[in-house]
C-alpha atoms as a PDB file:
ATOM      1  CA  MET A   1     -53.467  -4.681 -25.244  1.00  0.00           C
ATOM      2  CA  THR A   2     -52.138  -2.285 -27.874  1.00  0.00           C
ATOM      3  CA  PHE A   3     -55.344  -0.232 -27.705  1.00  0.00           C
ATOM      4  CA  MET A   4     -55.153  -0.144 -23.909  1.00  0.00           C
ATOM      5  CA  TRP A   5     -51.637   1.310 -23.963  1.00  0.00           C
ATOM      6  CA  ALA A   6     -52.686   3.767 -26.665  1.00  0.00           C
ATOM      7  CA  LEU A   7     -55.505   4.981 -24.411  1.00  0.00           C
ATOM      8  CA  TYR A   8     -53.051   5.254 -21.524  1.00  0.00           C
ATOM      9  CA  ALA A   9     -50.619   7.277 -23.669  1.00  0.00           C
ATOM     10  CA  ARG A  10     -53.428   9.613 -24.747  1.00  0.00           C
ATOM     11  CA  GLU A  11     -54.392  10.325 -21.128  1.00  0.00           C
ATOM     12  CA  VAL A  12     -50.793  10.958 -20.096  1.00  0.00           C
ATOM     13  CA  LYS A  13     -50.429  13.411 -22.970  1.00  0.00           C
ATOM     14  CA  ARG A  14     -53.649  15.138 -21.877  1.00  0.00           C
ATOM     15  CA  PHE A  15     -52.532  15.886 -18.320  1.00  0.00           C
ATOM     16  CA  ARG A  16     -49.079  16.944 -19.531  1.00  0.00           C
ATOM     17  CA  LYS A  17     -50.750  19.709 -21.544  1.00  0.00           C
ATOM     18  CA  LEU A  18     -52.419  20.946 -18.350  1.00  0.00           C
ATOM     19  CA  MET A  19     -49.317  20.716 -16.178  1.00  0.00           C
ATOM     20  CA  LEU A  20     -49.907  23.990 -14.337  1.00  0.00           C
ATOM     21  CA  ASP A  21     -53.279  22.829 -13.050  1.00  0.00           C
ATOM     22  CA  THR A  22     -52.762  19.081 -12.761  1.00  0.00           C
ATOM     23  CA  VAL A  23     -49.311  19.051 -11.154  1.00  0.00           C
ATOM     24  CA  PHE A  24     -48.252  22.398  -9.725  1.00  0.00           C
ATOM     25  CA  SER A  25     -51.582  23.480  -8.220  1.00  0.00           C
ATOM     26  CA  PRO A  26     -51.586  20.749  -5.520  1.00  0.00           C
ATOM     27  CA  ILE A  27     -47.912  21.417  -4.809  1.00  0.00           C
ATOM     28  CA  VAL A  28     -48.614  25.109  -4.196  1.00  0.00           C
ATOM     29  CA  SER A  29     -51.382  24.116  -1.757  1.00  0.00           C
ATOM     30  CA  MET A  30     -48.968  21.767   0.013  1.00  0.00           C
ATOM     31  CA  VAL A  31     -46.329  24.495   0.359  1.00  0.00           C
ATOM     32  CA  LEU A  32     -48.932  26.830   1.876  1.00  0.00           C
ATOM     33  CA  TYR A  33     -49.985  24.184   4.410  1.00  0.00           C
ATOM     34  CA  LEU A  34     -46.372  23.518   5.371  1.00  0.00           C
ATOM     35  CA  THR A  35     -45.603  27.225   5.678  1.00  0.00           C
ATOM     36  CA  VAL A  36     -48.559  27.879   7.985  1.00  0.00           C
ATOM     37  CA  PHE A  37     -48.038  24.798  10.140  1.00  0.00           C
ATOM     38  CA  GLY A  38     -44.277  25.381  10.165  1.00  0.00           C
ATOM     39  CA  VAL A  39     -44.846  28.749  11.821  1.00  0.00           C
ATOM     40  CA  VAL A  40     -47.593  27.625  14.214  1.00  0.00           C
ATOM     41  CA  VAL A  41     -46.555  24.138  15.384  1.00  0.00           C
ATOM     42  CA  SER A  42     -42.888  23.768  14.455  1.00  0.00           C
ATOM     43  CA  ALA A  43     -41.893  23.012  18.080  1.00  0.00           C
ATOM     44  CA  LYS A  44     -44.546  20.348  18.716  1.00  0.00           C
ATOM     45  CA  SER A  45     -44.093  16.611  18.276  1.00  0.00           C
ATOM     46  CA  ILE A  46     -46.143  13.419  18.106  1.00  0.00           C
ATOM     47  CA  GLY A  47     -44.368  10.423  19.533  1.00  0.00           C
ATOM     48  CA  ASP A  48     -40.804  10.463  18.247  1.00  0.00           C
ATOM     49  CA  ILE A  49     -41.475  12.618  15.188  1.00  0.00           C
ATOM     50  CA  SER A  50     -42.082  16.336  14.752  1.00  0.00           C
ATOM     51  CA  PHE A  51     -45.615  17.510  14.113  1.00  0.00           C
ATOM     52  CA  LEU A  52     -44.439  19.037  10.848  1.00  0.00           C
ATOM     53  CA  ALA A  53     -43.118  15.645   9.662  1.00  0.00           C
ATOM     54  CA  PHE A  54     -46.441  14.116  10.712  1.00  0.00           C
ATOM     55  CA  ILE A  55     -48.381  16.600   8.576  1.00  0.00           C
ATOM     56  CA  TYR A  56     -45.899  16.410   5.707  1.00  0.00           C
ATOM     57  CA  THR A  57     -46.347  12.671   5.205  1.00  0.00           C
ATOM     58  CA  GLY A  58     -50.123  13.072   5.363  1.00  0.00           C
ATOM     59  CA  LEU A  59     -50.007  15.774   2.690  1.00  0.00           C
ATOM     60  CA  LEU A  60     -47.980  13.503   0.399  1.00  0.00           C
ATOM     61  CA  ALA A  61     -50.668  10.839   0.744  1.00  0.00           C
ATOM     62  CA  MET A  62     -53.328  13.468   0.041  1.00  0.00           C
ATOM     63  CA  ILE A  63     -51.554  14.420  -3.198  1.00  0.00           C
ATOM     64  CA  MET A  64     -51.595  10.808  -4.415  1.00  0.00           C
ATOM     65  CA  VAL A  65     -55.268  10.312  -3.509  1.00  0.00           C
ATOM     66  CA  ASN A  66     -56.391  13.561  -5.146  1.00  0.00           C
ATOM     67  CA  SER A  67     -54.290  13.017  -8.273  1.00  0.00           C
ATOM     68  CA  GLY A  68     -55.511   9.444  -8.654  1.00  0.00           C
ATOM     69  CA  PHE A  69     -59.167  10.352  -8.254  1.00  0.00           C
ATOM     70  CA  SER A  70     -59.379  13.589 -10.221  1.00  0.00           C
ATOM     71  CA  ASN A  71     -57.377  12.610 -13.309  1.00  0.00           C
ATOM     72  CA  PRO A  72     -59.738   9.946 -14.769  1.00  0.00           C
ATOM     73  CA  GLY A  73     -62.839  11.554 -13.314  1.00  0.00           C
ATOM     74  CA  PHE A  74     -62.453  14.867 -15.097  1.00  0.00           C
ATOM     75  CA  ALA A  75     -61.013  13.225 -18.225  1.00  0.00           C
ATOM     76  CA  LEU A  76     -64.140  11.114 -18.663  1.00  0.00           C
ATOM     77  CA  ILE A  77     -66.476  14.065 -18.092  1.00  0.00           C
ATOM     78  CA  ILE A  78     -64.566  16.089 -20.694  1.00  0.00           C
ATOM     79  CA  ALA A  79     -64.811  13.129 -23.083  1.00  0.00           C
ATOM     80  CA  LYS A  80     -68.577  13.028 -22.562  1.00  0.00           C
ATOM     81  CA  ASN A  81     -68.923  16.745 -23.234  1.00  0.00           C
ATOM     82  CA  LEU A  82     -66.784  16.573 -26.383  1.00  0.00           C
ATOM     83  CA  GLY A  83     -68.397  13.384 -27.625  1.00  0.00           C
ATOM     84  CA  SER A  84     -65.074  11.532 -27.736  1.00  0.00           C
ATOM     85  CA  ILE A  85     -66.467   9.008 -25.241  1.00  0.00           C
ATOM     86  CA  LEU A  86     -67.819   7.297 -28.357  1.00  0.00           C
ATOM     87  CA  ASP A  87     -64.268   6.170 -29.098  1.00  0.00           C
ATOM     88  CA  LEU A  88     -64.445   3.833 -26.105  1.00  0.00           C
ATOM     89  CA  GLN A  89     -67.584   2.206 -27.474  1.00  0.00           C
ATOM     90  CA  VAL A  90     -66.036   1.164 -30.769  1.00  0.00           C
ATOM     91  CA  THR A  91     -62.537   0.184 -29.655  1.00  0.00           C
ATOM     92  CA  PRO A  92     -61.924  -3.545 -29.044  1.00  0.00           C
ATOM     93  CA  LEU A  93     -61.311  -3.009 -25.346  1.00  0.00           C
ATOM     94  CA  ARG A  94     -62.918  -4.796 -22.433  1.00  0.00           C
ATOM     95  CA  PRO A  95     -64.375  -2.627 -19.653  1.00  0.00           C
ATOM     96  CA  TRP A  96     -61.559  -3.522 -17.233  1.00  0.00           C
ATOM     97  CA  GLN A  97     -58.943  -2.588 -19.852  1.00  0.00           C
ATOM     98  CA  ILE A  98     -60.522   0.836 -20.284  1.00  0.00           C
ATOM     99  CA  GLY A  99     -60.528   1.330 -16.525  1.00  0.00           C
ATOM    100  CA  ILE A 100     -56.961   0.137 -16.075  1.00  0.00           C
ATOM    101  CA  ALA A 101     -55.705   2.418 -18.866  1.00  0.00           C
ATOM    102  CA  TYR A 102     -57.239   5.458 -17.129  1.00  0.00           C
ATOM    103  CA  SER A 103     -56.015   4.225 -13.735  1.00  0.00           C
ATOM    104  CA  LEU A 104     -52.450   3.792 -14.994  1.00  0.00           C
ATOM    105  CA  ALA A 105     -52.549   7.346 -16.344  1.00  0.00           C
ATOM    106  CA  ALA A 106     -53.767   8.496 -12.913  1.00  0.00           C
ATOM    107  CA  LEU A 107     -50.880   6.605 -11.298  1.00  0.00           C
ATOM    108  CA  THR A 108     -48.418   8.263 -13.682  1.00  0.00           C
ATOM    109  CA  ARG A 109     -49.737  11.711 -12.832  1.00  0.00           C
ATOM    110  CA  GLY A 110     -49.625  10.888  -9.120  1.00  0.00           C
ATOM    111  CA  LEU A 111     -46.037   9.623  -9.317  1.00  0.00           C
ATOM    112  CA  PHE A 112     -44.890  12.697 -11.227  1.00  0.00           C
ATOM    113  CA  THR A 113     -46.670  15.092  -8.867  1.00  0.00           C
ATOM    114  CA  LEU A 114     -45.356  13.267  -5.801  1.00  0.00           C
ATOM    115  CA  SER A 115     -41.781  13.316  -7.137  1.00  0.00           C
ATOM    116  CA  VAL A 116     -41.909  17.040  -7.874  1.00  0.00           C
ATOM    117  CA  ALA A 117     -43.538  17.730  -4.492  1.00  0.00           C
ATOM    118  CA  LEU A 118     -40.785  15.811  -2.682  1.00  0.00           C
ATOM    119  CA  ALA A 119     -38.050  17.599  -4.604  1.00  0.00           C
ATOM    120  CA  LEU A 120     -39.502  21.050  -3.875  1.00  0.00           C
ATOM    121  CA  THR A 121     -40.643  20.595  -0.266  1.00  0.00           C
ATOM    122  CA  VAL A 122     -38.444  18.014   1.467  1.00  0.00           C
ATOM    123  CA  TRP A 123     -36.283  20.852   2.800  1.00  0.00           C
ATOM    124  CA  PHE A 124     -39.190  21.752   5.113  1.00  0.00           C
ATOM    125  CA  ILE A 125     -38.331  18.600   7.112  1.00  0.00           C
ATOM    126  CA  PRO A 126     -34.614  18.509   8.046  1.00  0.00           C
ATOM    127  CA  GLY A 127     -33.185  15.004   8.190  1.00  0.00           C
ATOM    128  CA  MET A 128     -36.173  13.430   6.439  1.00  0.00           C
ATOM    129  CA  THR A 129     -35.564   9.741   5.699  1.00  0.00           C
ATOM    130  CA  ILE A 130     -37.601   6.762   4.477  1.00  0.00           C
ATOM    131  CA  ALA A 131     -38.068   4.167   7.218  1.00  0.00           C
ATOM    132  CA  HIS A 132     -39.556   1.430   5.006  1.00  0.00           C
ATOM    133  CA  PRO A 133     -38.705   1.946   1.301  1.00  0.00           C
ATOM    134  CA  LEU A 134     -40.406  -1.211  -0.020  1.00  0.00           C
ATOM    135  CA  SER A 135     -43.586  -0.431   1.896  1.00  0.00           C
ATOM    136  CA  LEU A 136     -43.526   3.117   0.487  1.00  0.00           C
ATOM    137  CA  LEU A 137     -43.102   1.880  -3.085  1.00  0.00           C
ATOM    138  CA  ALA A 138     -45.990  -0.565  -2.668  1.00  0.00           C
ATOM    139  CA  ILE A 139     -48.420   1.911  -1.114  1.00  0.00           C
ATOM    140  CA  VAL A 140     -47.594   4.615  -3.699  1.00  0.00           C
ATOM    141  CA  LEU A 141     -48.308   2.250  -6.600  1.00  0.00           C
ATOM    142  CA  ILE A 142     -51.452   0.807  -5.018  1.00  0.00           C
ATOM    143  CA  THR A 143     -52.807   4.243  -4.060  1.00  0.00           C
ATOM    144  CA  GLY A 144     -52.426   5.627  -7.583  1.00  0.00           C
ATOM    145  CA  LEU A 145     -54.222   2.641  -9.104  1.00  0.00           C
ATOM    146  CA  GLN A 146     -56.815   2.331  -6.346  1.00  0.00           C
ATOM    147  CA  TYR A 147     -58.065   5.897  -6.466  1.00  0.00           C
ATOM    148  CA  GLY A 148     -57.635   5.937 -10.227  1.00  0.00           C
ATOM    149  CA  MET A 149     -60.177   3.103 -10.376  1.00  0.00           C
ATOM    150  CA  LEU A 150     -62.481   5.025  -8.032  1.00  0.00           C
ATOM    151  CA  GLY A 151     -62.088   8.103 -10.248  1.00  0.00           C
ATOM    152  CA  VAL A 152     -63.041   6.029 -13.301  1.00  0.00           C
ATOM    153  CA  THR A 153     -66.149   4.811 -11.478  1.00  0.00           C
ATOM    154  CA  PHE A 154     -67.207   8.368 -10.588  1.00  0.00           C
ATOM    155  CA  GLY A 155     -66.318   9.683 -14.049  1.00  0.00           C
ATOM    156  CA  ILE A 156     -68.377   7.005 -15.811  1.00  0.00           C
ATOM    157  CA  TRP A 157     -71.287   7.494 -13.406  1.00  0.00           C
ATOM    158  CA  ALA A 158     -71.383  11.315 -13.349  1.00  0.00           C
ATOM    159  CA  LYS A 159     -73.478  13.011 -16.010  1.00  0.00           C
ATOM    160  CA  GLY A 160     -71.599  16.287 -15.808  1.00  0.00           C
ATOM    161  CA  PHE A 161     -69.088  18.383 -13.901  1.00  0.00           C
ATOM    162  CA  GLU A 162     -71.692  19.199 -11.249  1.00  0.00           C
ATOM    163  CA  ALA A 163     -72.070  15.559 -10.214  1.00  0.00           C
ATOM    164  CA  LEU A 164     -68.320  14.981 -10.182  1.00  0.00           C
ATOM    165  CA  THR A 165     -67.715  18.179  -8.222  1.00  0.00           C
ATOM    166  CA  PHE A 166     -70.330  17.031  -5.733  1.00  0.00           C
ATOM    167  CA  GLY A 167     -68.462  13.755  -5.285  1.00  0.00           C
ATOM    168  CA  THR A 168     -65.143  15.569  -4.880  1.00  0.00           C
ATOM    169  CA  THR A 169     -66.435  18.223  -2.481  1.00  0.00           C
ATOM    170  CA  PHE A 170     -68.879  16.255  -0.348  1.00  0.00           C
ATOM    171  CA  VAL A 171     -67.359  12.763  -0.435  1.00  0.00           C
ATOM    172  CA  MET A 172     -63.629  12.799  -1.141  1.00  0.00           C
ATOM    173  CA  GLN A 173     -62.590  15.993   0.667  1.00  0.00           C
ATOM    174  CA  PRO A 174     -64.380  15.176   3.951  1.00  0.00           C
ATOM    175  CA  MET A 175     -62.886  11.675   3.857  1.00  0.00           C
ATOM    176  CA  ILE A 176     -59.413  13.133   3.294  1.00  0.00           C
ATOM    177  CA  PHE A 177     -59.639  15.670   6.090  1.00  0.00           C
ATOM    178  CA  LEU A 178     -61.103  13.066   8.478  1.00  0.00           C
ATOM    179  CA  ALA A 179     -58.378  10.544   7.593  1.00  0.00           C
ATOM    180  CA  GLY A 180     -55.751  11.819  10.005  1.00  0.00           C
ATOM    181  CA  VAL A 181     -53.783  14.025   7.630  1.00  0.00           C
ATOM    182  CA  PHE A 182     -53.522  16.827  10.209  1.00  0.00           C
ATOM    183  CA  TYR A 183     -54.072  14.975  13.497  1.00  0.00           C
ATOM    184  CA  PRO A 184     -53.444  11.518  14.989  1.00  0.00           C
ATOM    185  CA  VAL A 185     -56.570   9.400  14.675  1.00  0.00           C
ATOM    186  CA  GLY A 186     -55.460   7.277  17.612  1.00  0.00           C
ATOM    187  CA  GLN A 187     -55.916  10.265  19.959  1.00  0.00           C
ATOM    188  CA  LEU A 188     -59.531  10.904  18.967  1.00  0.00           C
ATOM    189  CA  PRO A 189     -62.162  10.227  21.640  1.00  0.00           C
ATOM    190  CA  ALA A 190     -64.571   7.326  21.255  1.00  0.00           C
ATOM    191  CA  PRO A 191     -66.464   6.614  19.040  1.00  0.00           C
ATOM    192  CA  TRP A 192     -64.646   8.785  16.470  1.00  0.00           C
ATOM    193  CA  ASN A 193     -61.408   6.836  16.715  1.00  0.00           C
ATOM    194  CA  LEU A 194     -63.359   3.675  15.826  1.00  0.00           C
ATOM    195  CA  ILE A 195     -65.350   5.343  13.037  1.00  0.00           C
ATOM    196  CA  SER A 196     -62.098   6.556  11.468  1.00  0.00           C
ATOM    197  CA  GLN A 197     -61.040   2.928  11.009  1.00  0.00           C
ATOM    198  CA  PHE A 198     -63.792   2.575   8.379  1.00  0.00           C
ATOM    199  CA  ASN A 199     -62.397   5.460   6.325  1.00  0.00           C
ATOM    200  CA  PRO A 200     -60.257   3.845   3.570  1.00  0.00           C
ATOM    201  CA  ILE A 201     -58.230   7.020   3.074  1.00  0.00           C
ATOM    202  CA  HIS A 202     -57.121   6.848   6.713  1.00  0.00           C
ATOM    203  CA  HIS A 203     -55.377   3.559   6.020  1.00  0.00           C
ATOM    204  CA  THR A 204     -53.648   5.025   2.976  1.00  0.00           C
ATOM    205  CA  VAL A 205     -52.425   8.005   5.010  1.00  0.00           C
ATOM    206  CA  ASN A 206     -51.412   5.669   7.842  1.00  0.00           C
ATOM    207  CA  LEU A 207     -49.271   3.514   5.527  1.00  0.00           C
ATOM    208  CA  PHE A 208     -47.660   6.553   3.882  1.00  0.00           C
ATOM    209  CA  ARG A 209     -46.709   7.902   7.311  1.00  0.00           C
ATOM    210  CA  TYR A 210     -45.500   4.520   8.532  1.00  0.00           C
ATOM    211  CA  SER A 211     -43.398   4.023   5.397  1.00  0.00           C
ATOM    212  CA  PHE A 212     -41.752   7.431   5.699  1.00  0.00           C
ATOM    213  CA  VAL A 213     -41.227   7.946   9.426  1.00  0.00           C
ATOM    214  CA  GLY A 214     -42.257   4.669  11.097  1.00  0.00           C
ATOM    215  CA  TYR A 215     -45.256   6.173  12.933  1.00  0.00           C
ATOM    216  CA  ALA A 216     -48.647   4.457  12.666  1.00  0.00           C
ATOM    217  CA  ASP A 217     -52.024   5.275  14.248  1.00  0.00           C
ATOM    218  CA  THR A 218     -53.327   1.855  13.228  1.00  0.00           C
ATOM    219  CA  ALA A 219     -51.407  -1.415  13.013  1.00  0.00           C
ATOM    220  CA  PRO A 220     -49.838  -1.539   9.521  1.00  0.00           C
ATOM    221  CA  LEU A 221     -51.159  -5.061   8.860  1.00  0.00           C
ATOM    222  CA  ILE A 222     -54.720  -3.857   9.477  1.00  0.00           C
ATOM    223  CA  SER A 223     -54.172  -0.921   7.138  1.00  0.00           C
ATOM    224  CA  TRP A 224     -52.715  -3.203   4.456  1.00  0.00           C
ATOM    225  CA  ALA A 225     -55.741  -5.490   4.718  1.00  0.00           C
ATOM    226  CA  ALA A 226     -58.071  -2.472   4.402  1.00  0.00           C
ATOM    227  CA  VAL A 227     -56.169  -1.018   1.425  1.00  0.00           C
ATOM    228  CA  LEU A 228     -56.035  -4.298  -0.481  1.00  0.00           C
ATOM    229  CA  GLY A 229     -59.691  -5.027   0.292  1.00  0.00           C
ATOM    230  CA  CYS A 230     -60.748  -1.586  -0.948  1.00  0.00           C
ATOM    231  CA  SER A 231     -58.626  -2.007  -4.083  1.00  0.00           C
ATOM    232  CA  THR A 232     -60.486  -5.212  -4.897  1.00  0.00           C
ATOM    233  CA  LEU A 233     -63.805  -3.505  -4.226  1.00  0.00           C
ATOM    234  CA  PHE A 234     -62.945  -0.472  -6.378  1.00  0.00           C
ATOM    235  CA  PHE A 235     -61.856  -2.730  -9.240  1.00  0.00           C
ATOM    236  CA  GLY A 236     -65.199  -4.552  -9.095  1.00  0.00           C
ATOM    237  CA  LEU A 237     -67.134  -1.274  -9.011  1.00  0.00           C
ATOM    238  CA  MET A 238     -65.128   0.111 -11.917  1.00  0.00           C
ATOM    239  CA  GLN A 239     -65.698  -3.024 -14.001  1.00  0.00           C
ATOM    240  CA  TRP A 240     -69.429  -3.077 -13.260  1.00  0.00           C
ATOM    241  CA  MET A 241     -69.998   0.643 -13.842  1.00  0.00           C
ATOM    242  CA  THR A 242     -67.966   0.759 -17.061  1.00  0.00           C
ATOM    243  CA  LEU A 243     -69.695  -2.319 -18.460  1.00  0.00           C
ATOM    244  CA  ARG A 244     -73.127  -1.019 -17.518  1.00  0.00           C
ATOM    245  CA  LYS A 245     -72.719   2.512 -18.875  1.00  0.00           C
ATOM    246  CA  LEU A 246     -71.098   1.444 -22.128  1.00  0.00           C
ATOM    247  CA  ALA A 247     -73.888  -1.095 -22.656  1.00  0.00           C
ATOM    248  CA  GLU A 248     -76.526   1.592 -22.009  1.00  0.00           C
ATOM    249  CA  SER A 249     -74.913   3.989 -24.469  1.00  0.00           C
ATOM    250  CA  LEU A 250     -74.986   1.375 -27.211  1.00  0.00           C
ATOM    251  CA  GLN A 251     -78.721   0.744 -26.831  1.00  0.00           C
END
């Protein structure tokens, strides 16, 4: 376990050195979104909440998903390019311990980025409160770990930055923008409203929004089942991919 926490500490130190890119870049993007939508749709509402609050909670979820996925993904590609990936082959760590160390570092980055984003942007939403604090705490922790594990899987699988960028651009970003960050999935026409239910990021966004403002496109219990099921799946994929790739590199 000592080696696992050492690996975690190394990854936290790495993203702290790149604070401008890893933390403040997504916050700047969020501020730009809020500024534009604040001007265009500030008077509109969805249900009992303002449209700006609706978008704001979706953007917070997007920050956690992106931070969780990108942190281990790019870290592992950099390690491959520098040759330091060999360290993982000789340390007495099991594949799941390697993955969890990277995922915990992703969670740490996500928590820090989310905290700074809230502190700098909550004034966009007057009277913002947290409807379900325990639910928010749970979904924040699970999201950081869940997409950290997915980022480890992609990072171990990808042979270079091109493959990882492909996954980010053509897999993650479409899933994020089709997850209901900027619009209510429940108001989509058939069959798109049904198809959206199979997007795991939608359920993350849905639970973030429900936890903050009490609004949900999908029943929270369904979203919790989807999130926990995907977390189990991502853990299995991470374990299998890490074990397989490390075994191949030792041959």
